[in-house]
Structure formats: C-alpha cells, structure tokens
C-alpha cells in the first residue's frame, strides 16, 4: 500500500472543492493507494500519472521505491492540464 502526500498547491485546490466532489476524489484516492498502477494512467511525454474521476483529474507522481503517491494538481479536466 502506498501513502499519499499533497503538494501545497494541490492541497489548497483540493480543499476548495465542493463537498460531494471532494468526497468522490478522496474515496477514489484511498482506493487507488492499494494498487496505483491499476487506477492511474501515465501521461504522454511526461513522468506523471493522472486519475480520472468523472470530469475531475488528479495529477500525481508515483514513487514505487518509497511507496509514495504525491498529488501535484487537482482540478476540472478543462483546466488541469495547463
């Protein structure tokens, strides 16, 4: 099982979400900690991964050596890739 870490910006973005969206993303992250490679997709031309939850995206960096998932960005799909 991996542990979750939030970068400062991602934590701030995550806390600003509506309660229902916050809960959906949080539940999916907890589920993804058990088997990250099953839930996360590798971004093309990048070392990062994404998790899709409806119209919302979570950008992460996965470090298997330390079993850490670092959340880099949380946002709506229309502006999270900027």
N, C-alpha and C. Protein backbone atom coordinates (compact mmCIF):
# COMPACT_ATOMS: atom_id res chain seq x y z
N UNK A 1 0.84 -1.18 0.00
CA UNK A 1 0.00 0.00 0.00
C UNK A 1 0.89 1.25 0.00
N UNK A 2 0.54 2.20 -0.84
CA UNK A 2 1.27 3.46 -0.94
C UNK A 2 0.67 4.49 0.02
N UNK A 3 1.46 5.48 0.37
CA UNK A 3 0.94 6.58 1.18
C UNK A 3 0.76 7.81 0.29
N UNK A 4 -0.16 8.68 0.69
CA UNK A 4 -0.46 9.89 -0.07
C UNK A 4 0.24 11.09 0.53
N UNK A 5 0.79 11.94 -0.34
CA UNK A 5 1.33 13.23 0.06
C UNK A 5 0.74 14.27 -0.88
N UNK A 6 0.45 15.44 -0.35
CA UNK A 6 -0.09 16.52 -1.17
C UNK A 6 0.92 17.65 -1.23
N UNK A 7 1.21 18.12 -2.44
CA UNK A 7 1.99 19.34 -2.55
C UNK A 7 1.09 20.48 -2.10
N UNK A 8 1.69 21.57 -1.68
CA UNK A 8 0.95 22.68 -1.09
C UNK A 8 -0.18 23.17 -2.00
N UNK A 9 0.13 23.38 -3.26
CA UNK A 9 -0.89 23.87 -4.20
C UNK A 9 -2.02 22.87 -4.38
N UNK A 10 -1.68 21.60 -4.50
CA UNK A 10 -2.70 20.57 -4.70
C UNK A 10 -3.61 20.47 -3.48
N UNK A 11 -3.02 20.55 -2.29
CA UNK A 11 -3.82 20.51 -1.07
C UNK A 11 -4.79 21.67 -1.00
N UNK A 12 -4.32 22.84 -1.40
CA UNK A 12 -5.17 24.04 -1.40
C UNK A 12 -6.31 23.88 -2.41
N UNK A 13 -6.00 23.42 -3.63
CA UNK A 13 -7.01 23.20 -4.66
C UNK A 13 -8.03 22.16 -4.20
N UNK A 14 -7.55 21.11 -3.56
CA UNK A 14 -8.41 20.02 -3.11
C UNK A 14 -9.39 20.50 -2.04
N UNK A 15 -8.93 21.31 -1.13
CA UNK A 15 -9.79 21.80 -0.04
C UNK A 15 -10.86 22.78 -0.54
N UNK A 16 -10.65 23.41 -1.69
CA UNK A 16 -11.61 24.36 -2.23
C UNK A 16 -12.77 23.70 -2.97
N UNK A 17 -12.69 22.40 -3.21
CA UNK A 17 -13.74 21.71 -3.96
C UNK A 17 -15.03 21.61 -3.15
N UNK A 18 -16.14 21.46 -3.87
CA UNK A 18 -17.42 21.22 -3.21
C UNK A 18 -17.35 19.90 -2.46
N UNK A 19 -18.15 19.77 -1.42
CA UNK A 19 -18.09 18.61 -0.53
C UNK A 19 -18.30 17.28 -1.27
N UNK A 20 -19.27 17.24 -2.19
CA UNK A 20 -19.52 15.97 -2.89
C UNK A 20 -18.38 15.59 -3.82
N UNK A 21 -17.78 16.57 -4.50
CA UNK A 21 -16.64 16.31 -5.38
C UNK A 21 -15.42 15.91 -4.54
N UNK A 22 -15.21 16.63 -3.46
CA UNK A 22 -14.11 16.33 -2.53
C UNK A 22 -14.19 14.87 -2.07
N UNK A 23 -15.38 14.43 -1.67
CA UNK A 23 -15.58 13.07 -1.16
C UNK A 23 -15.34 12.04 -2.25
N UNK A 24 -15.82 12.29 -3.47
CA UNK A 24 -15.62 11.34 -4.57
C UNK A 24 -14.14 11.15 -4.87
N UNK A 25 -13.41 12.28 -4.94
CA UNK A 25 -11.99 12.21 -5.24
C UNK A 25 -11.23 11.55 -4.10
N UNK A 26 -11.56 11.91 -2.87
CA UNK A 26 -10.88 11.33 -1.71
C UNK A 26 -11.09 9.82 -1.66
N UNK A 27 -12.31 9.36 -1.87
CA UNK A 27 -12.59 7.92 -1.86
C UNK A 27 -11.82 7.19 -2.94
N UNK A 28 -11.74 7.77 -4.13
CA UNK A 28 -11.01 7.14 -5.24
C UNK A 28 -9.50 7.10 -4.95
N UNK A 29 -8.97 8.15 -4.34
CA UNK A 29 -7.55 8.15 -3.97
C UNK A 29 -7.25 7.07 -2.93
N UNK A 30 -8.14 6.90 -1.98
CA UNK A 30 -7.94 5.86 -0.97
C UNK A 30 -7.96 4.47 -1.60
N UNK A 31 -8.84 4.28 -2.56
CA UNK A 31 -8.92 3.00 -3.27
C UNK A 31 -7.67 2.79 -4.13
N UNK A 32 -7.18 3.85 -4.75
CA UNK A 32 -6.03 3.76 -5.65
C UNK A 32 -4.73 3.50 -4.90
N UNK A 33 -4.68 3.82 -3.62
CA UNK A 33 -3.46 3.57 -2.84
C UNK A 33 -3.11 2.08 -2.78
N UNK A 34 -4.10 1.23 -2.87
CA UNK A 34 -3.88 -0.21 -2.78
C UNK A 34 -3.19 -0.77 -4.02
N UNK A 35 -3.53 -0.24 -5.19
CA UNK A 35 -2.95 -0.72 -6.45
C UNK A 35 -2.86 0.44 -7.44
N UNK A 36 -1.87 1.31 -7.29
CA UNK A 36 -1.81 2.52 -8.11
C UNK A 36 -1.77 2.27 -9.62
N UNK A 37 -1.06 1.26 -10.05
CA UNK A 37 -0.93 1.05 -11.49
C UNK A 37 -2.24 0.63 -12.15
N UNK A 38 -3.18 0.14 -11.37
CA UNK A 38 -4.49 -0.22 -11.90
C UNK A 38 -5.35 1.03 -12.13
N UNK A 39 -5.21 2.05 -11.31
CA UNK A 39 -6.07 3.22 -11.35
C UNK A 39 -5.49 4.39 -12.13
N UNK A 40 -4.18 4.57 -12.09
CA UNK A 40 -3.55 5.74 -12.71
C UNK A 40 -3.10 5.45 -14.12
N UNK A 41 -3.25 6.46 -14.99
CA UNK A 41 -2.77 6.36 -16.37
C UNK A 41 -1.55 7.26 -16.53
N UNK A 42 -0.55 6.77 -17.23
CA UNK A 42 0.66 7.55 -17.49
C UNK A 42 0.34 8.63 -18.51
N UNK A 43 0.80 9.84 -18.23
CA UNK A 43 0.62 10.94 -19.18
C UNK A 43 1.65 10.81 -20.29
N UNK A 44 1.24 11.09 -21.51
CA UNK A 44 2.18 11.03 -22.63
C UNK A 44 3.20 12.15 -22.51
N UNK A 45 4.43 11.86 -22.85
CA UNK A 45 5.54 12.81 -22.80
C UNK A 45 5.76 13.41 -21.41
N UNK A 46 5.50 12.62 -20.37
CA UNK A 46 5.67 13.09 -19.00
C UNK A 46 5.96 11.89 -18.10
N UNK A 47 6.54 12.17 -16.94
CA UNK A 47 6.78 11.12 -15.95
C UNK A 47 5.63 11.00 -14.97
N UNK A 48 4.60 11.83 -15.13
CA UNK A 48 3.49 11.87 -14.19
C UNK A 48 2.33 11.00 -14.63
N UNK A 49 1.39 10.82 -13.71
CA UNK A 49 0.21 10.00 -13.94
C UNK A 49 -1.04 10.82 -13.65
N UNK A 50 -2.18 10.36 -14.19
CA UNK A 50 -3.46 11.01 -13.90
C UNK A 50 -4.46 9.99 -13.40
N UNK A 51 -5.38 10.48 -12.59
CA UNK A 51 -6.51 9.69 -12.11
C UNK A 51 -7.76 10.43 -12.57
N UNK A 52 -8.65 9.73 -13.25
CA UNK A 52 -9.88 10.33 -13.75
C UNK A 52 -11.03 9.98 -12.83
N UNK A 53 -11.75 11.02 -12.40
CA UNK A 53 -12.95 10.85 -11.59
C UNK A 53 -14.02 11.73 -12.22
N UNK A 54 -14.80 11.18 -13.13
CA UNK A 54 -15.78 11.97 -13.87
C UNK A 54 -15.08 13.05 -14.68
N UNK A 55 -15.47 14.31 -14.46
CA UNK A 55 -14.85 15.43 -15.16
C UNK A 55 -13.63 15.98 -14.42
N UNK A 56 -13.26 15.37 -13.33
CA UNK A 56 -12.15 15.84 -12.49
C UNK A 56 -10.91 15.00 -12.72
N UNK A 57 -9.74 15.63 -12.58
CA UNK A 57 -8.46 14.94 -12.76
C UNK A 57 -7.56 15.22 -11.57
N UNK A 58 -6.78 14.20 -11.23
CA UNK A 58 -5.76 14.32 -10.19
C UNK A 58 -4.43 13.94 -10.84
N UNK A 59 -3.48 14.86 -10.86
CA UNK A 59 -2.15 14.61 -11.40
C UNK A 59 -1.23 14.22 -10.26
N UNK A 60 -0.51 13.12 -10.44
CA UNK A 60 0.34 12.61 -9.37
C UNK A 60 1.70 12.17 -9.90
N UNK A 61 2.62 12.02 -8.97
CA UNK A 61 3.91 11.39 -9.22
C UNK A 61 3.95 10.16 -8.33
N UNK A 62 4.25 9.01 -8.90
CA UNK A 62 4.28 7.76 -8.13
C UNK A 62 5.73 7.32 -7.98
N UNK A 63 6.15 7.13 -6.74
CA UNK A 63 7.50 6.65 -6.44
C UNK A 63 7.37 5.28 -5.78
N UNK A 64 7.61 4.23 -6.56
CA UNK A 64 7.47 2.87 -6.04
C UNK A 64 8.55 2.50 -5.04
N UNK A 65 9.71 3.13 -5.12
CA UNK A 65 10.78 2.79 -4.19
C UNK A 65 10.44 3.21 -2.76
N UNK A 66 9.73 4.33 -2.61
CA UNK A 66 9.33 4.78 -1.27
C UNK A 66 7.84 4.54 -1.02
N UNK A 67 7.17 3.95 -2.02
CA UNK A 67 5.73 3.68 -1.94
C UNK A 67 4.95 4.94 -1.59
N UNK A 68 5.21 6.00 -2.38
CA UNK A 68 4.58 7.29 -2.15
C UNK A 68 3.87 7.77 -3.41
N UNK A 69 2.66 8.27 -3.24
CA UNK A 69 1.93 8.93 -4.31
C UNK A 69 1.86 10.40 -3.93
N UNK A 70 2.49 11.26 -4.71
CA UNK A 70 2.49 12.70 -4.43
C UNK A 70 1.49 13.37 -5.35
N UNK A 71 0.46 13.97 -4.78
CA UNK A 71 -0.57 14.66 -5.54
C UNK A 71 -0.02 16.04 -5.91
N UNK A 72 0.05 16.30 -7.22
CA UNK A 72 0.62 17.54 -7.73
C UNK A 72 -0.44 18.58 -8.06
N UNK A 73 -1.58 18.11 -8.57
CA UNK A 73 -2.61 19.03 -9.04
C UNK A 73 -3.96 18.35 -9.00
N UNK A 74 -4.99 19.10 -8.64
CA UNK A 74 -6.37 18.61 -8.63
C UNK A 74 -7.22 19.66 -9.32
N UNK A 75 -8.04 19.25 -10.29
CA UNK A 75 -8.88 20.23 -10.95
C UNK A 75 -9.80 19.63 -11.99
N UNK A 76 -10.61 20.50 -12.57
CA UNK A 76 -11.53 20.10 -13.62
C UNK A 76 -10.73 19.80 -14.88
N UNK A 77 -11.20 18.89 -15.68
CA UNK A 77 -10.44 18.43 -16.86
C UNK A 77 -10.17 19.54 -17.86
N UNK A 78 -10.99 20.59 -17.90
CA UNK A 78 -10.80 21.65 -18.89
C UNK A 78 -9.59 22.55 -18.58
N UNK A 79 -9.16 22.58 -17.30
CA UNK A 79 -8.05 23.47 -16.99
C UNK A 79 -6.93 22.84 -16.17
N UNK A 80 -6.99 21.55 -15.90
CA UNK A 80 -5.96 20.92 -15.08
C UNK A 80 -4.68 20.68 -15.87
N UNK A 81 -4.75 20.60 -17.18
CA UNK A 81 -3.58 20.30 -17.99
C UNK A 81 -2.75 21.54 -18.34
N UNK A 82 -3.21 22.72 -17.95
CA UNK A 82 -2.48 23.96 -18.24
C UNK A 82 -1.13 24.00 -17.58
